[in-house]
Amino acid sequence: MWFAILLVLGIAPGAPALAQLTGTVMAPETKEQFILRSRYHIPGRTAATVVYLHSLALRDIREEYSSIATRNDDGSWTVGTMGEIGPAAKAIKLRVVPEKLRRLSKADGAALDALLADEALYLTASTLPVEPDNSATYRTMEIVTPGHRVVVRWIGALEGKAGRVADLVAAGGAGAKGRTRR
């Protein structure tokens, strides 16, 4: 049975996420990313150290994006971002935004490593409800490392260390600061 679940989620058997999927409860929004990706046969990226960033806006137009940053064996970071856009009415066909892969620069990768190594990052509190409303873009970030796990939910500006992690994953570095803050 678990084999079938992994295939639906786009994860090969034996992938590093197996322990996460069977031994750790993922945030509902992280699970939604795997479901979104599976609709378009885009694999969910996994690694021992991973940052999942989910964005959902429900207005006249529905926009949902999934960004997954994985730390590679050589210490570099790869970010895969894809999405789905369309009318808010589910009966109308949505349009896929194909996945784009990019590597973080060495400087941005080192900055992300330093942020993830900081114990204070994992003390970030999140008090937003799990279900978004129709008035704003609702974002969730789940950070999983071999020693830590934290889920942060926000609407509007995300400041501090968690905000810097989100900016690196969503925008690919310092050049696009603030993209996760609207």
N, C-alpha and C. Protein backbone atom coordinates (compact mmCIF):
# COMPACT_ATOMS: atom_id res chain seq x y z
N MET A 1 0.81 -1.20 0.00
CA MET A 1 0.00 0.00 0.00
C MET A 1 0.85 1.26 0.00
N TRP A 2 1.91 1.32 0.84
CA TRP A 2 2.75 2.52 0.88
C TRP A 2 3.41 2.76 -0.45
N PHE A 3 3.71 1.69 -1.20
CA PHE A 3 4.32 1.84 -2.51
C PHE A 3 3.39 2.62 -3.44
N ALA A 4 2.09 2.28 -3.42
CA ALA A 4 1.11 2.98 -4.26
C ALA A 4 0.99 4.45 -3.85
N ILE A 5 1.01 4.72 -2.56
CA ILE A 5 0.92 6.10 -2.09
C ILE A 5 2.12 6.90 -2.59
N LEU A 6 3.30 6.32 -2.51
CA LEU A 6 4.50 7.02 -2.96
C LEU A 6 4.45 7.29 -4.46
N LEU A 7 3.94 6.35 -5.24
CA LEU A 7 3.85 6.57 -6.68
C LEU A 7 2.85 7.67 -7.01
N VAL A 8 1.72 7.71 -6.31
CA VAL A 8 0.75 8.78 -6.52
C VAL A 8 1.38 10.13 -6.20
N LEU A 9 2.22 10.18 -5.16
CA LEU A 9 2.87 11.42 -4.78
C LEU A 9 4.06 11.75 -5.67
N GLY A 10 4.44 10.86 -6.56
CA GLY A 10 5.54 11.13 -7.47
C GLY A 10 6.90 10.90 -6.82
N ILE A 11 6.95 9.99 -5.86
CA ILE A 11 8.20 9.71 -5.16
C ILE A 11 8.58 8.27 -5.43
N ALA A 12 9.78 8.04 -5.85
CA ALA A 12 10.25 6.68 -6.09
C ALA A 12 10.46 5.95 -4.78
N PRO A 13 10.18 4.63 -4.76
CA PRO A 13 10.44 3.85 -3.54
C PRO A 13 11.90 3.99 -3.13
N GLY A 14 12.12 4.10 -1.83
CA GLY A 14 13.49 4.22 -1.33
C GLY A 14 14.00 5.65 -1.31
N ALA A 15 13.20 6.60 -1.78
CA ALA A 15 13.62 8.00 -1.78
C ALA A 15 13.78 8.49 -0.35
N PRO A 16 14.61 9.50 -0.11
CA PRO A 16 14.83 10.00 1.25
C PRO A 16 13.56 10.41 1.97
N ALA A 17 12.50 10.76 1.23
CA ALA A 17 11.27 11.23 1.89
C ALA A 17 10.46 10.10 2.49
N LEU A 18 10.83 8.85 2.22
CA LEU A 18 10.04 7.74 2.75
C LEU A 18 9.88 7.84 4.25
N ALA A 19 10.97 8.12 4.96
CA ALA A 19 10.89 8.25 6.41
C ALA A 19 10.02 9.44 6.80
N GLN A 20 10.10 10.52 6.03
CA GLN A 20 9.28 11.69 6.33
C GLN A 20 7.80 11.37 6.14
N LEU A 21 7.47 10.65 5.07
CA LEU A 21 6.07 10.38 4.78
C LEU A 21 5.48 9.36 5.74
N THR A 22 6.27 8.41 6.21
CA THR A 22 5.74 7.37 7.07
C THR A 22 6.00 7.62 8.54
N GLY A 23 7.02 8.43 8.87
CA GLY A 23 7.37 8.62 10.26
C GLY A 23 7.14 10.02 10.79
N THR A 24 6.87 10.97 9.94
CA THR A 24 6.67 12.35 10.35
C THR A 24 5.37 12.86 9.75
N VAL A 25 4.61 13.56 10.51
CA VAL A 25 3.38 14.15 9.99
C VAL A 25 3.75 15.42 9.23
N MET A 26 3.44 15.47 7.96
CA MET A 26 3.69 16.66 7.16
C MET A 26 2.56 17.65 7.36
N ALA A 27 2.87 18.92 7.19
CA ALA A 27 1.83 19.95 7.24
C ALA A 27 0.83 19.67 6.11
N PRO A 28 -0.44 19.98 6.32
CA PRO A 28 -1.44 19.75 5.25
C PRO A 28 -1.06 20.46 3.95
N GLU A 29 -0.48 21.64 4.06
CA GLU A 29 -0.10 22.39 2.85
C GLU A 29 1.04 21.70 2.12
N THR A 30 1.93 21.04 2.84
CA THR A 30 3.01 20.29 2.19
C THR A 30 2.43 19.10 1.44
N LYS A 31 1.48 18.42 2.05
CA LYS A 31 0.81 17.32 1.36
C LYS A 31 0.11 17.83 0.10
N GLU A 32 -0.50 19.03 0.19
CA GLU A 32 -1.16 19.62 -0.97
C GLU A 32 -0.18 19.87 -2.11
N GLN A 33 1.07 20.21 -1.78
CA GLN A 33 2.07 20.41 -2.83
C GLN A 33 2.30 19.13 -3.61
N PHE A 34 2.39 18.00 -2.90
CA PHE A 34 2.60 16.72 -3.57
C PHE A 34 1.40 16.35 -4.44
N ILE A 35 0.19 16.66 -3.96
CA ILE A 35 -1.02 16.39 -4.73
C ILE A 35 -1.05 17.27 -5.98
N LEU A 36 -0.75 18.57 -5.83
CA LEU A 36 -0.69 19.49 -6.96
C LEU A 36 0.31 18.99 -8.00
N ARG A 37 1.49 18.64 -7.58
CA ARG A 37 2.52 18.16 -8.50
C ARG A 37 2.10 16.87 -9.19
N SER A 38 1.47 15.97 -8.45
CA SER A 38 1.09 14.68 -9.03
C SER A 38 0.03 14.84 -10.13
N ARG A 39 -0.82 15.87 -10.03
CA ARG A 39 -1.83 16.11 -11.08
C ARG A 39 -1.17 16.33 -12.44
N TYR A 40 0.02 16.87 -12.43
CA TYR A 40 0.72 17.18 -13.68
C TYR A 40 1.96 16.32 -13.88
N HIS A 41 2.06 15.25 -13.11
CA HIS A 41 3.17 14.28 -13.22
C HIS A 41 4.53 14.95 -12.99
N ILE A 42 4.55 15.89 -12.06
CA ILE A 42 5.79 16.57 -11.67
C ILE A 42 6.20 15.98 -10.32
N PRO A 43 7.38 15.41 -10.24
CA PRO A 43 7.76 14.74 -8.99
C PRO A 43 7.93 15.70 -7.82
N GLY A 44 7.58 15.21 -6.65
CA GLY A 44 7.88 15.94 -5.42
C GLY A 44 9.33 15.72 -5.09
N ARG A 45 10.06 16.78 -4.90
CA ARG A 45 11.50 16.67 -4.64
C ARG A 45 11.73 16.44 -3.15
N THR A 46 12.66 15.58 -2.84
CA THR A 46 12.93 15.24 -1.45
C THR A 46 14.43 15.17 -1.21
N ALA A 47 14.81 15.33 0.05
CA ALA A 47 16.20 15.21 0.48
C ALA A 47 16.18 15.17 2.00
N ALA A 48 17.33 14.91 2.58
CA ALA A 48 17.41 14.92 4.05
C ALA A 48 17.16 16.32 4.59
N THR A 49 17.58 17.34 3.82
CA THR A 49 17.32 18.73 4.20
C THR A 49 16.51 19.35 3.07
N VAL A 50 15.31 19.82 3.40
CA VAL A 50 14.40 20.31 2.38
C VAL A 50 13.55 21.44 2.95
N VAL A 51 13.21 22.40 2.08
CA VAL A 51 12.31 23.49 2.44
C VAL A 51 11.15 23.45 1.45
N TYR A 52 9.94 23.27 1.99
CA TYR A 52 8.73 23.28 1.17
C TYR A 52 8.07 24.64 1.34
N LEU A 53 7.78 25.31 0.24
CA LEU A 53 7.11 26.61 0.29
C LEU A 53 5.85 26.53 -0.56
N HIS A 54 4.71 26.76 0.06
CA HIS A 54 3.41 26.66 -0.61
C HIS A 54 2.73 28.02 -0.57
N SER A 55 2.13 28.43 -1.68
CA SER A 55 1.45 29.71 -1.76
C SER A 55 0.09 29.48 -2.41
N LEU A 56 -0.96 30.05 -1.79
CA LEU A 56 -2.31 29.90 -2.32
C LEU A 56 -3.05 31.23 -2.21
N ALA A 57 -3.55 31.70 -3.35
CA ALA A 57 -4.38 32.91 -3.39
C ALA A 57 -5.73 32.52 -3.97
N LEU A 58 -6.79 32.86 -3.23
CA LEU A 58 -8.15 32.55 -3.65
C LEU A 58 -8.94 33.84 -3.79
N ARG A 59 -8.93 34.40 -4.96
CA ARG A 59 -9.72 35.60 -5.25
C ARG A 59 -10.58 35.27 -6.46
N ASP A 60 -10.72 36.19 -7.40
CA ASP A 60 -11.40 35.87 -8.66
C ASP A 60 -10.60 34.83 -9.42
N ILE A 61 -9.29 34.93 -9.28
CA ILE A 61 -8.38 33.97 -9.90
C ILE A 61 -7.72 33.18 -8.78
N ARG A 62 -7.63 31.88 -8.99
CA ARG A 62 -6.99 30.99 -8.02
C ARG A 62 -5.57 30.74 -8.49
N GLU A 63 -4.60 31.03 -7.62
CA GLU A 63 -3.20 30.76 -7.93
C GLU A 63 -2.61 29.92 -6.82
N GLU A 64 -1.97 28.81 -7.19
CA GLU A 64 -1.32 27.95 -6.22
C GLU A 64 0.07 27.62 -6.74
N TYR A 65 1.07 27.79 -5.89
CA TYR A 65 2.46 27.52 -6.27
C TYR A 65 3.12 26.61 -5.25
N SER A 66 4.02 25.79 -5.76
CA SER A 66 4.82 24.89 -4.94
C SER A 66 6.28 25.11 -5.27
N SER A 67 7.07 25.45 -4.26
CA SER A 67 8.52 25.55 -4.41
C SER A 67 9.13 24.57 -3.42
N ILE A 68 10.04 23.75 -3.91
CA ILE A 68 10.72 22.79 -3.05
C ILE A 68 12.21 22.96 -3.25
N ALA A 69 12.89 23.32 -2.17
CA ALA A 69 14.36 23.50 -2.21
C ALA A 69 14.98 22.29 -1.53
N THR A 70 15.87 21.62 -2.25
CA THR A 70 16.55 20.45 -1.70
C THR A 70 18.06 20.68 -1.69
N ARG A 71 18.67 20.23 -0.59
CA ARG A 71 20.14 20.32 -0.47
C ARG A 71 20.72 19.07 -1.10
N ASN A 72 21.58 19.25 -2.09
CA ASN A 72 22.20 18.14 -2.81
C ASN A 72 23.40 17.59 -2.04
N ASP A 73 23.83 16.40 -2.41
CA ASP A 73 24.96 15.76 -1.74
C ASP A 73 26.23 16.60 -1.79
N ASP A 74 26.39 17.41 -2.85
CA ASP A 74 27.59 18.25 -2.97
C ASP A 74 27.47 19.56 -2.20
N GLY A 75 26.36 19.75 -1.48
CA GLY A 75 26.16 20.97 -0.69
C GLY A 75 25.43 22.08 -1.43
N SER A 76 25.21 21.91 -2.73
CA SER A 76 24.48 22.93 -3.48
C SER A 76 22.98 22.74 -3.25
N TRP A 77 22.22 23.75 -3.63
CA TRP A 77 20.77 23.73 -3.45
C TRP A 77 20.09 23.81 -4.80
N THR A 78 19.04 22.99 -5.00
CA THR A 78 18.20 23.06 -6.19
C THR A 78 16.79 23.40 -5.76
N VAL A 79 16.18 24.36 -6.47
CA VAL A 79 14.81 24.77 -6.18
C VAL A 79 13.95 24.46 -7.40
N GLY A 80 12.87 23.74 -7.18
CA GLY A 80 11.90 23.47 -8.23
C GLY A 80 10.60 24.18 -7.89
N THR A 81 10.11 25.01 -8.81
CA THR A 81 8.88 25.77 -8.59
C THR A 81 7.91 25.51 -9.72
N MET A 82 6.66 25.21 -9.37
CA MET A 82 5.61 25.04 -10.37
C MET A 82 4.31 25.58 -9.78
N GLY A 83 3.30 25.70 -10.61
CA GLY A 83 2.05 26.23 -10.09
C GLY A 83 0.87 25.90 -10.95
N GLU A 84 -0.28 26.41 -10.51
CA GLU A 84 -1.54 26.21 -11.20
C GLU A 84 -2.32 27.52 -11.07
N ILE A 85 -2.85 28.00 -12.20
CA ILE A 85 -3.58 29.27 -12.22
C ILE A 85 -4.89 29.06 -12.97
N GLY A 86 -5.94 29.71 -12.49
CA GLY A 86 -7.21 29.66 -13.20
C GLY A 86 -8.29 30.36 -12.42
N PRO A 87 -9.51 30.31 -12.94
CA PRO A 87 -10.63 30.92 -12.23
C PRO A 87 -10.83 30.23 -10.88
N ALA A 88 -11.37 30.94 -9.95
CA ALA A 88 -11.59 30.37 -8.62
C ALA A 88 -12.62 29.25 -8.64
N ALA A 89 -13.53 29.28 -9.62
CA ALA A 89 -14.53 28.21 -9.74
C ALA A 89 -13.83 26.93 -10.18
N LYS A 90 -13.91 25.90 -9.36
CA LYS A 90 -13.21 24.64 -9.64
C LYS A 90 -13.69 23.95 -10.91
N ALA A 91 -14.93 24.24 -11.37
CA ALA A 91 -15.46 23.55 -12.53
C ALA A 91 -14.76 23.95 -13.82
N ILE A 92 -14.04 25.04 -13.79
CA ILE A 92 -13.35 25.53 -14.97
C ILE A 92 -11.91 25.04 -14.92
N LYS A 93 -11.41 24.60 -16.08
CA LYS A 93 -10.08 24.01 -16.14
C LYS A 93 -8.99 25.01 -15.73
N LEU A 94 -8.07 24.53 -14.91
CA LEU A 94 -6.94 25.34 -14.47
C LEU A 94 -5.77 25.14 -15.42
N ARG A 95 -4.86 26.10 -15.44
CA ARG A 95 -3.68 26.05 -16.30
C ARG A 95 -2.46 25.77 -15.43
N VAL A 96 -1.63 24.84 -15.87
CA VAL A 96 -0.42 24.51 -15.13
C VAL A 96 0.68 25.51 -15.46
N VAL A 97 1.46 25.87 -14.47
CA VAL A 97 2.68 26.64 -14.67
C VAL A 97 3.79 25.61 -14.56
N PRO A 98 4.46 25.26 -15.67
CA PRO A 98 5.45 24.18 -15.65
C PRO A 98 6.56 24.43 -14.63
N GLU A 99 7.12 23.34 -14.16
CA GLU A 99 8.18 23.46 -13.17
C GLU A 99 9.43 24.05 -13.80
N LYS A 100 10.04 24.96 -13.05
CA LYS A 100 11.33 25.54 -13.43
C LYS A 100 12.33 25.17 -12.34
N LEU A 101 13.45 24.61 -12.76
CA LEU A 101 14.50 24.26 -11.81
C LEU A 101 15.60 25.29 -11.88
N ARG A 102 16.15 25.62 -10.72
CA ARG A 102 17.28 26.55 -10.69
C ARG A 102 18.17 26.17 -9.52
N ARG A 103 19.43 26.51 -9.65
CA ARG A 103 20.39 26.30 -8.56
C ARG A 103 20.62 27.62 -7.87
N LEU A 104 20.65 27.58 -6.56
CA LEU A 104 21.04 28.79 -5.82
C LEU A 104 22.52 29.04 -6.04
N SER A 105 22.91 30.29 -6.06
CA SER A 105 24.34 30.61 -6.15
C SER A 105 25.03 30.08 -4.90
N LYS A 106 26.35 29.98 -4.95
CA LYS A 106 27.10 29.51 -3.78
C LYS A 106 26.85 30.40 -2.58
N ALA A 107 26.80 31.70 -2.81
CA ALA A 107 26.57 32.64 -1.70
C ALA A 107 25.17 32.45 -1.11
N ASP A 108 24.16 32.32 -1.97
CA ASP A 108 22.80 32.11 -1.46
C ASP A 108 22.66 30.76 -0.79
N GLY A 109 23.30 29.72 -1.34
CA GLY A 109 23.29 28.40 -0.71
C GLY A 109 23.93 28.43 0.66
N ALA A 110 25.05 29.13 0.76
CA ALA A 110 25.73 29.26 2.07
C ALA A 110 24.86 30.04 3.06
N ALA A 111 24.17 31.07 2.57
CA ALA A 111 23.28 31.84 3.44
C ALA A 111 22.13 30.96 3.93
N LEU A 112 21.58 30.14 3.04
CA LEU A 112 20.49 29.24 3.43
C LEU A 112 20.99 28.21 4.43
N ASP A 113 22.16 27.65 4.20
CA ASP A 113 22.75 26.70 5.16
C ASP A 113 22.92 27.34 6.54
N ALA A 114 23.41 28.57 6.57
CA ALA A 114 23.62 29.26 7.85
C ALA A 114 22.29 29.50 8.57
N LEU A 115 21.27 29.90 7.82
CA LEU A 115 19.95 30.12 8.42
C LEU A 115 19.39 28.81 8.98
N LEU A 116 19.52 27.72 8.23
CA LEU A 116 18.99 26.44 8.68
C LEU A 116 19.76 25.87 9.86
N ALA A 117 21.01 26.29 10.04
CA ALA A 117 21.82 25.82 11.17
C ALA A 117 21.52 26.60 12.45
N ASP A 118 20.81 27.71 12.34
CA ASP A 118 20.53 28.56 13.49
C ASP A 118 19.33 28.02 14.27
N GLU A 119 19.55 27.63 15.51
CA GLU A 119 18.49 27.07 16.36
C GLU A 119 17.30 28.02 16.50
N ALA A 120 17.53 29.31 16.45
CA ALA A 120 16.45 30.29 16.63
C ALA A 120 15.40 30.17 15.53
N LEU A 121 15.79 29.73 14.34
CA LEU A 121 14.84 29.58 13.24
C LEU A 121 13.71 28.63 13.62
N TYR A 122 14.02 27.60 14.38
CA TYR A 122 13.05 26.56 14.69
C TYR A 122 12.14 26.93 15.86
N LEU A 123 12.32 28.12 16.39
CA LEU A 123 11.45 28.64 17.44
C LEU A 123 10.38 29.57 16.88
N THR A 124 10.38 29.75 15.54
CA THR A 124 9.43 30.63 14.89
C THR A 124 8.01 30.13 15.14
N ALA A 125 7.17 30.99 15.67
CA ALA A 125 5.79 30.61 15.98
C ALA A 125 4.88 30.91 14.80
N SER A 126 3.87 30.09 14.63
CA SER A 126 2.89 30.28 13.58
C SER A 126 1.51 30.12 14.20
N THR A 127 0.69 31.14 14.06
CA THR A 127 -0.62 31.10 14.70
C THR A 127 -1.78 31.20 13.72
N LEU A 128 -1.49 31.24 12.43
CA LEU A 128 -2.56 31.38 11.45
C LEU A 128 -3.35 30.08 11.34
N PRO A 129 -4.62 30.18 10.96
CA PRO A 129 -5.41 28.97 10.76
C PRO A 129 -4.90 28.20 9.54
N VAL A 130 -5.20 26.92 9.48
CA VAL A 130 -4.76 26.09 8.36
C VAL A 130 -5.50 26.44 7.08
N GLU A 131 -6.77 26.82 7.18
CA GLU A 131 -7.57 27.14 6.00
C GLU A 131 -7.45 28.62 5.64
N PRO A 132 -7.09 28.94 4.38
CA PRO A 132 -6.99 30.34 3.98
C PRO A 132 -8.36 30.97 3.78
N ASP A 133 -8.40 32.30 3.85
CA ASP A 133 -9.63 32.99 3.51
C ASP A 133 -9.50 33.51 2.08
N ASN A 134 -10.47 34.27 1.63
CA ASN A 134 -10.48 34.73 0.24
C ASN A 134 -9.90 36.12 0.04
N SER A 135 -9.19 36.64 1.02
CA SER A 135 -8.77 38.02 0.91
C SER A 135 -7.28 38.23 0.72
N ALA A 136 -6.49 37.19 0.83
CA ALA A 136 -5.04 37.40 0.78
C ALA A 136 -4.33 36.17 0.26
N THR A 137 -3.05 36.33 -0.06
CA THR A 137 -2.22 35.19 -0.41
C THR A 137 -1.74 34.55 0.89
N TYR A 138 -1.99 33.30 1.00
CA TYR A 138 -1.70 32.53 2.20
C TYR A 138 -0.48 31.66 1.91
N ARG A 139 0.54 31.75 2.74
CA ARG A 139 1.78 31.01 2.50
C ARG A 139 2.11 30.12 3.68
N THR A 140 2.72 28.99 3.34
CA THR A 140 3.20 28.04 4.35
C THR A 140 4.59 27.59 3.95
N MET A 141 5.46 27.49 4.93
CA MET A 141 6.80 26.97 4.70
C MET A 141 7.05 25.88 5.74
N GLU A 142 7.44 24.71 5.27
CA GLU A 142 7.83 23.63 6.16
C GLU A 142 9.30 23.36 5.92
N ILE A 143 10.08 23.42 6.98
CA ILE A 143 11.52 23.17 6.90
C ILE A 143 11.79 21.86 7.62
N VAL A 144 12.46 20.94 6.91
CA VAL A 144 12.80 19.64 7.49
C VAL A 144 14.31 19.44 7.33
N THR A 145 14.99 19.21 8.44
CA THR A 145 16.42 18.89 8.43
C THR A 145 16.58 17.61 9.24
N PRO A 146 17.75 16.99 9.22
CA PRO A 146 17.92 15.78 10.04
C PRO A 146 17.63 16.00 11.53
N GLY A 147 17.79 17.21 12.04
CA GLY A 147 17.57 17.44 13.46
C GLY A 147 16.39 18.32 13.83
N HIS A 148 15.70 18.88 12.82
CA HIS A 148 14.64 19.85 13.12
C HIS A 148 13.49 19.74 12.13
N ARG A 149 12.36 20.31 12.55
CA ARG A 149 11.21 20.48 11.67
C ARG A 149 10.41 21.66 12.22
N VAL A 150 10.02 22.56 11.33
CA VAL A 150 9.18 23.69 11.73
C VAL A 150 8.25 24.03 10.57
N VAL A 151 7.03 24.45 10.92
CA VAL A 151 6.05 24.90 9.94
C VAL A 151 5.71 26.34 10.29
N VAL A 152 5.80 27.22 9.27
CA VAL A 152 5.49 28.63 9.46
C VAL A 152 4.39 29.00 8.46
N ARG A 153 3.33 29.64 8.96
CA ARG A 153 2.23 30.10 8.10
C ARG A 153 2.13 31.61 8.23
N TRP A 154 1.88 32.28 7.09
CA TRP A 154 1.76 33.74 7.17
C TRP A 154 0.97 34.33 6.02
N ILE A 155 0.46 35.51 6.28
CA ILE A 155 -0.16 36.37 5.28
C ILE A 155 0.54 37.71 5.42
N GLY A 156 0.93 38.32 4.32
CA GLY A 156 1.63 39.60 4.39
C GLY A 156 3.13 39.39 4.52
N ALA A 157 3.77 40.23 5.33
CA ALA A 157 5.23 40.20 5.46
C ALA A 157 5.67 39.12 6.43
N LEU A 158 6.69 38.38 6.04
CA LEU A 158 7.34 37.43 6.93
C LEU A 158 8.75 37.97 7.17
N GLU A 159 9.01 38.36 8.38
CA GLU A 159 10.27 39.01 8.71
C GLU A 159 11.23 38.01 9.38
N GLY A 160 12.42 38.47 9.66
CA GLY A 160 13.39 37.69 10.41
C GLY A 160 14.01 36.55 9.60
N LYS A 161 14.55 35.59 10.32
CA LYS A 161 15.26 34.47 9.69
C LYS A 161 14.34 33.65 8.78
N ALA A 162 13.12 33.38 9.25
CA ALA A 162 12.17 32.63 8.43
C ALA A 162 11.86 33.38 7.13
N GLY A 163 11.73 34.70 7.21
CA GLY A 163 11.49 35.50 6.01
C GLY A 163 12.65 35.42 5.03
N ARG A 164 13.87 35.40 5.55
CA ARG A 164 15.04 35.28 4.67
C ARG A 164 15.09 33.91 4.00
N VAL A 165 14.73 32.86 4.73
CA VAL A 165 14.68 31.52 4.12
C VAL A 165 13.64 31.52 3.00
N ALA A 166 12.45 32.04 3.26
CA ALA A 166 11.39 32.07 2.25
C ALA A 166 11.82 32.88 1.02
N ASP A 167 12.48 34.01 1.23
CA ASP A 167 12.95 34.81 0.10
C ASP A 167 13.95 34.05 -0.75
N LEU A 168 14.87 33.34 -0.12
CA LEU A 168 15.87 32.57 -0.87
C LEU A 168 15.22 31.48 -1.70
N VAL A 169 14.24 30.80 -1.12
CA VAL A 169 13.58 29.70 -1.83
C VAL A 169 12.66 30.23 -2.93
N ALA A 170 11.88 31.25 -2.63
CA ALA A 170 10.90 31.76 -3.60
C ALA A 170 11.54 32.55 -4.72
N ALA A 171 12.55 33.32 -4.38
CA ALA A 171 13.09 34.26 -5.36
C ALA A 171 14.48 33.91 -5.85
N GLY A 172 15.14 33.00 -5.19
CA GLY A 172 16.47 32.61 -5.62
C GLY A 172 17.55 33.56 -5.17
N GLY A 173 17.30 34.34 -4.16
CA GLY A 173 18.39 35.15 -3.63
C GLY A 173 18.02 36.57 -3.31
N ALA A 174 19.05 37.33 -3.01
CA ALA A 174 18.87 38.69 -2.53
C ALA A 174 18.30 39.61 -3.61
N GLY A 175 18.44 39.26 -4.87
CA GLY A 175 18.00 40.13 -5.94
C GLY A 175 16.50 40.34 -6.01
N ALA A 176 15.74 39.47 -5.37
CA ALA A 176 14.28 39.59 -5.45
C ALA A 176 13.67 39.64 -4.06
N LYS A 177 14.32 40.31 -3.15
CA LYS A 177 13.82 40.42 -1.78
C LYS A 177 12.39 40.93 -1.79
N GLY A 178 11.61 40.39 -0.88
CA GLY A 178 10.25 40.88 -0.71
C GLY A 178 9.20 40.13 -1.49
N ARG A 179 9.56 39.23 -2.39
CA ARG A 179 8.55 38.52 -3.17
C ARG A 179 7.63 37.71 -2.28
N THR A 180 8.10 37.24 -1.15
CA THR A 180 7.25 36.44 -0.27
C THR A 180 6.58 37.32 0.77
N ARG A 181 6.64 38.62 0.61
CA ARG A 181 6.15 39.52 1.65
C ARG A 181 4.88 40.25 1.26
N ARG A 182 4.29 39.93 0.17
CA ARG A 182 3.07 40.63 -0.25
C ARG A 182 1.86 39.94 0.29
